[in-house]
Amino acid sequence: MIRTTQDVLPIMRKQNSGTIVNISSGLGRFGIAASSAYVSSKFAVEGLSESMSYEHEPFGIRTILIEPGVIKTSFIKSAVLAKKIPRS
């Protein structure tokens, strides 16, 4: 995502317009158990998109973040919760 954005930014700046569209998830707004890596990657997309919107707005470049709603998948079924080790 970052490399693609870096590749197109010089063109967008030169034409003083453009739109960057990033795809995240509702899980970029709150965490859930057993999905730390996924959730943290979505938090990163959220933060990057917000920061880029401020940085590139003066150049006529918009940043849009799409957060699709719940989609029925087996994502949660594959999640594994850590088990607490009993102390002896």
N, C-alpha and C. Protein backbone atom coordinates (compact mmCIF):
# COMPACT_ATOMS: atom_id res chain seq x y z
N MET A 1 0.82 -1.18 0.00
CA MET A 1 0.00 0.00 0.00
C MET A 1 0.88 1.26 0.00
N ILE A 2 1.90 1.25 0.83
CA ILE A 2 2.78 2.43 0.91
C ILE A 2 3.57 2.60 -0.39
N ARG A 3 4.12 1.50 -0.90
CA ARG A 3 4.91 1.61 -2.14
C ARG A 3 4.07 2.07 -3.32
N THR A 4 2.87 1.56 -3.43
CA THR A 4 1.99 1.98 -4.52
C THR A 4 1.68 3.46 -4.39
N THR A 5 1.38 3.90 -3.19
CA THR A 5 1.10 5.32 -2.96
C THR A 5 2.32 6.17 -3.31
N GLN A 6 3.49 5.73 -2.89
CA GLN A 6 4.72 6.48 -3.22
C GLN A 6 4.94 6.56 -4.73
N ASP A 7 4.56 5.52 -5.44
CA ASP A 7 4.75 5.52 -6.90
C ASP A 7 3.83 6.51 -7.61
N VAL A 8 2.60 6.67 -7.12
CA VAL A 8 1.65 7.54 -7.81
C VAL A 8 1.64 8.99 -7.30
N LEU A 9 2.19 9.22 -6.11
CA LEU A 9 2.15 10.58 -5.55
C LEU A 9 2.82 11.63 -6.43
N PRO A 10 3.98 11.36 -7.02
CA PRO A 10 4.57 12.40 -7.88
C PRO A 10 3.66 12.80 -9.04
N ILE A 11 2.95 11.84 -9.61
CA ILE A 11 2.02 12.13 -10.71
C ILE A 11 0.86 12.97 -10.20
N MET A 12 0.29 12.57 -9.06
CA MET A 12 -0.83 13.30 -8.49
C MET A 12 -0.43 14.72 -8.10
N ARG A 13 0.75 14.87 -7.54
CA ARG A 13 1.20 16.22 -7.16
C ARG A 13 1.40 17.09 -8.38
N LYS A 14 1.95 16.51 -9.43
CA LYS A 14 2.20 17.27 -10.66
C LYS A 14 0.88 17.76 -11.27
N GLN A 15 -0.16 16.92 -11.24
CA GLN A 15 -1.46 17.33 -11.79
C GLN A 15 -2.33 18.05 -10.77
N ASN A 16 -1.83 18.16 -9.52
CA ASN A 16 -2.53 18.84 -8.44
C ASN A 16 -3.92 18.25 -8.18
N SER A 17 -4.03 16.93 -8.33
CA SER A 17 -5.28 16.25 -8.03
C SER A 17 -5.05 14.75 -7.98
N GLY A 18 -5.98 14.06 -7.36
CA GLY A 18 -5.92 12.62 -7.28
C GLY A 18 -6.67 12.13 -6.06
N THR A 19 -6.93 10.83 -6.07
CA THR A 19 -7.61 10.21 -4.94
C THR A 19 -6.92 8.91 -4.60
N ILE A 20 -6.56 8.77 -3.34
CA ILE A 20 -5.98 7.53 -2.82
C ILE A 20 -7.09 6.82 -2.07
N VAL A 21 -7.32 5.56 -2.40
CA VAL A 21 -8.38 4.78 -1.76
C VAL A 21 -7.73 3.61 -1.02
N ASN A 22 -7.91 3.57 0.29
CA ASN A 22 -7.38 2.48 1.11
C ASN A 22 -8.54 1.67 1.67
N ILE A 23 -8.32 0.35 1.79
CA ILE A 23 -9.33 -0.55 2.32
C ILE A 23 -8.87 -1.03 3.69
N SER A 24 -9.72 -0.88 4.69
CA SER A 24 -9.40 -1.32 6.04
C SER A 24 -10.48 -2.28 6.52
N SER A 25 -10.94 -2.09 7.72
CA SER A 25 -11.95 -2.95 8.32
C SER A 25 -12.52 -2.23 9.53
N GLY A 26 -13.71 -2.61 9.92
CA GLY A 26 -14.25 -2.08 11.17
C GLY A 26 -13.34 -2.42 12.33
N LEU A 27 -12.56 -3.51 12.18
CA LEU A 27 -11.63 -3.90 13.25
C LEU A 27 -10.41 -2.98 13.32
N GLY A 28 -10.36 -1.99 12.47
CA GLY A 28 -9.34 -0.96 12.60
C GLY A 28 -9.71 0.09 13.63
N ARG A 29 -10.89 -0.04 14.19
CA ARG A 29 -11.39 0.92 15.18
C ARG A 29 -11.44 0.35 16.58
N PHE A 30 -11.46 -0.97 16.71
CA PHE A 30 -11.48 -1.59 18.04
C PHE A 30 -10.86 -2.98 17.94
N GLY A 31 -10.29 -3.43 19.03
CA GLY A 31 -9.64 -4.73 19.05
C GLY A 31 -10.57 -5.84 19.48
N ILE A 32 -10.21 -7.07 19.08
CA ILE A 32 -10.93 -8.25 19.55
C ILE A 32 -9.90 -9.32 19.89
N ALA A 33 -10.27 -10.24 20.73
CA ALA A 33 -9.37 -11.32 21.11
C ALA A 33 -9.10 -12.24 19.93
N ALA A 34 -7.93 -12.83 19.93
CA ALA A 34 -7.51 -13.85 18.96
C ALA A 34 -7.25 -13.31 17.56
N SER A 35 -7.18 -12.01 17.40
CA SER A 35 -6.94 -11.44 16.07
C SER A 35 -5.97 -10.26 16.14
N SER A 36 -5.01 -10.33 17.04
CA SER A 36 -4.12 -9.19 17.29
C SER A 36 -3.37 -8.73 16.05
N ALA A 37 -2.81 -9.65 15.29
CA ALA A 37 -2.03 -9.27 14.11
C ALA A 37 -2.93 -8.59 13.07
N TYR A 38 -4.08 -9.18 12.82
CA TYR A 38 -5.01 -8.61 11.84
C TYR A 38 -5.49 -7.23 12.29
N VAL A 39 -5.92 -7.14 13.52
CA VAL A 39 -6.45 -5.88 14.05
C VAL A 39 -5.37 -4.79 14.02
N SER A 40 -4.16 -5.12 14.43
CA SER A 40 -3.10 -4.11 14.45
C SER A 40 -2.76 -3.63 13.04
N SER A 41 -2.84 -4.52 12.05
CA SER A 41 -2.58 -4.09 10.67
C SER A 41 -3.66 -3.12 10.20
N LYS A 42 -4.89 -3.34 10.63
CA LYS A 42 -5.98 -2.45 10.24
C LYS A 42 -5.90 -1.11 10.97
N PHE A 43 -5.46 -1.12 12.24
CA PHE A 43 -5.20 0.13 12.95
C PHE A 43 -4.15 0.95 12.19
N ALA A 44 -3.13 0.27 11.68
CA ALA A 44 -2.07 0.94 10.93
C ALA A 44 -2.62 1.59 9.66
N VAL A 45 -3.48 0.89 8.96
CA VAL A 45 -4.09 1.44 7.74
C VAL A 45 -4.91 2.68 8.09
N GLU A 46 -5.63 2.63 9.18
CA GLU A 46 -6.44 3.77 9.63
C GLU A 46 -5.54 4.99 9.90
N GLY A 47 -4.49 4.78 10.69
CA GLY A 47 -3.60 5.88 11.04
C GLY A 47 -2.86 6.44 9.84
N LEU A 48 -2.39 5.57 8.98
CA LEU A 48 -1.69 6.01 7.77
C LEU A 48 -2.62 6.83 6.88
N SER A 49 -3.83 6.34 6.70
CA SER A 49 -4.78 7.04 5.83
C SER A 49 -5.12 8.42 6.37
N GLU A 50 -5.35 8.51 7.68
CA GLU A 50 -5.67 9.81 8.28
C GLU A 50 -4.50 10.78 8.15
N SER A 51 -3.30 10.29 8.43
CA SER A 51 -2.12 11.15 8.32
C SER A 51 -1.89 11.61 6.88
N MET A 52 -2.03 10.69 5.95
CA MET A 52 -1.84 11.05 4.54
C MET A 52 -2.87 12.07 4.07
N SER A 53 -4.08 11.98 4.59
CA SER A 53 -5.10 12.95 4.17
C SER A 53 -4.69 14.36 4.54
N TYR A 54 -4.08 14.53 5.72
CA TYR A 54 -3.61 15.86 6.13
C TYR A 54 -2.40 16.30 5.30
N GLU A 55 -1.51 15.37 5.03
CA GLU A 55 -0.28 15.71 4.31
C GLU A 55 -0.53 16.08 2.84
N HIS A 56 -1.47 15.40 2.20
CA HIS A 56 -1.63 15.55 0.76
C HIS A 56 -2.77 16.47 0.34
N GLU A 57 -3.62 16.85 1.30
CA GLU A 57 -4.72 17.75 0.98
C GLU A 57 -4.26 19.06 0.33
N PRO A 58 -3.15 19.67 0.79
CA PRO A 58 -2.71 20.92 0.16
C PRO A 58 -2.33 20.74 -1.32
N PHE A 59 -2.11 19.51 -1.76
CA PHE A 59 -1.74 19.23 -3.14
C PHE A 59 -2.95 18.80 -3.98
N GLY A 60 -4.15 18.94 -3.42
CA GLY A 60 -5.36 18.57 -4.16
C GLY A 60 -5.61 17.07 -4.20
N ILE A 61 -4.95 16.33 -3.30
CA ILE A 61 -5.06 14.87 -3.29
C ILE A 61 -5.93 14.46 -2.10
N ARG A 62 -6.98 13.70 -2.39
CA ARG A 62 -7.87 13.21 -1.34
C ARG A 62 -7.46 11.79 -0.95
N THR A 63 -7.68 11.45 0.31
CA THR A 63 -7.48 10.08 0.78
C THR A 63 -8.80 9.58 1.32
N ILE A 64 -9.24 8.45 0.79
CA ILE A 64 -10.51 7.85 1.19
C ILE A 64 -10.20 6.52 1.87
N LEU A 65 -10.87 6.25 2.97
CA LEU A 65 -10.72 4.99 3.68
C LEU A 65 -12.05 4.26 3.66
N ILE A 66 -12.03 3.05 3.15
CA ILE A 66 -13.24 2.22 3.09
C ILE A 66 -13.13 1.16 4.17
N GLU A 67 -14.18 1.07 4.98
CA GLU A 67 -14.26 0.06 6.04
C GLU A 67 -15.48 -0.81 5.78
N PRO A 68 -15.31 -1.90 5.04
CA PRO A 68 -16.46 -2.76 4.74
C PRO A 68 -17.12 -3.26 6.03
N GLY A 69 -18.40 -3.49 5.96
CA GLY A 69 -19.14 -4.01 7.10
C GLY A 69 -18.86 -5.49 7.30
N VAL A 70 -19.62 -6.09 8.16
CA VAL A 70 -19.45 -7.51 8.47
C VAL A 70 -19.79 -8.35 7.24
N ILE A 71 -18.92 -9.27 6.94
CA ILE A 71 -19.12 -10.18 5.82
C ILE A 71 -19.01 -11.60 6.38
N LYS A 72 -19.94 -12.45 6.03
CA LYS A 72 -19.95 -13.81 6.56
C LYS A 72 -18.78 -14.61 5.96
N THR A 73 -17.80 -14.91 6.81
CA THR A 73 -16.65 -15.71 6.43
C THR A 73 -16.32 -16.66 7.58
N SER A 74 -15.28 -17.44 7.40
CA SER A 74 -14.83 -18.34 8.48
C SER A 74 -13.68 -17.71 9.27
N PHE A 75 -13.54 -16.40 9.17
CA PHE A 75 -12.45 -15.68 9.83
C PHE A 75 -12.39 -15.97 11.33
N ILE A 76 -13.50 -15.83 12.01
CA ILE A 76 -13.53 -16.03 13.47
C ILE A 76 -13.31 -17.50 13.82
N LYS A 77 -13.80 -18.40 13.00
CA LYS A 77 -13.62 -19.83 13.28
C LYS A 77 -12.14 -20.22 13.30
N SER A 78 -11.32 -19.51 12.53
CA SER A 78 -9.90 -19.85 12.49
C SER A 78 -9.10 -19.19 13.60
N ALA A 79 -9.73 -18.31 14.38
CA ALA A 79 -9.04 -17.63 15.47
C ALA A 79 -8.78 -18.61 16.61
N VAL A 80 -7.63 -18.43 17.25
CA VAL A 80 -7.26 -19.31 18.37
C VAL A 80 -6.93 -18.44 19.58
N LEU A 81 -7.63 -18.69 20.66
CA LEU A 81 -7.35 -17.98 21.91
C LEU A 81 -6.24 -18.70 22.67
N ALA A 82 -5.36 -17.95 23.26
CA ALA A 82 -4.31 -18.54 24.07
C ALA A 82 -4.92 -19.12 25.35
N LYS A 83 -4.35 -20.21 25.80
CA LYS A 83 -4.84 -20.82 27.02
C LYS A 83 -3.90 -20.47 28.16
N LYS A 84 -4.48 -20.13 29.29
CA LYS A 84 -3.71 -19.77 30.46
C LYS A 84 -3.11 -21.03 31.06
N ILE A 85 -1.84 -20.95 31.37
CA ILE A 85 -1.15 -22.09 31.97
C ILE A 85 -1.42 -22.08 33.47
N PRO A 86 -1.94 -23.17 33.99
CA PRO A 86 -2.20 -23.21 35.44
C PRO A 86 -0.89 -23.19 36.23
N ARG A 87 -0.90 -22.43 37.29
CA ARG A 87 0.31 -22.37 38.15
C ARG A 87 0.23 -23.49 39.18
N SER A 88 1.37 -24.10 39.40
CA SER A 88 1.36 -25.19 40.37
C SER A 88 1.81 -24.73 41.74
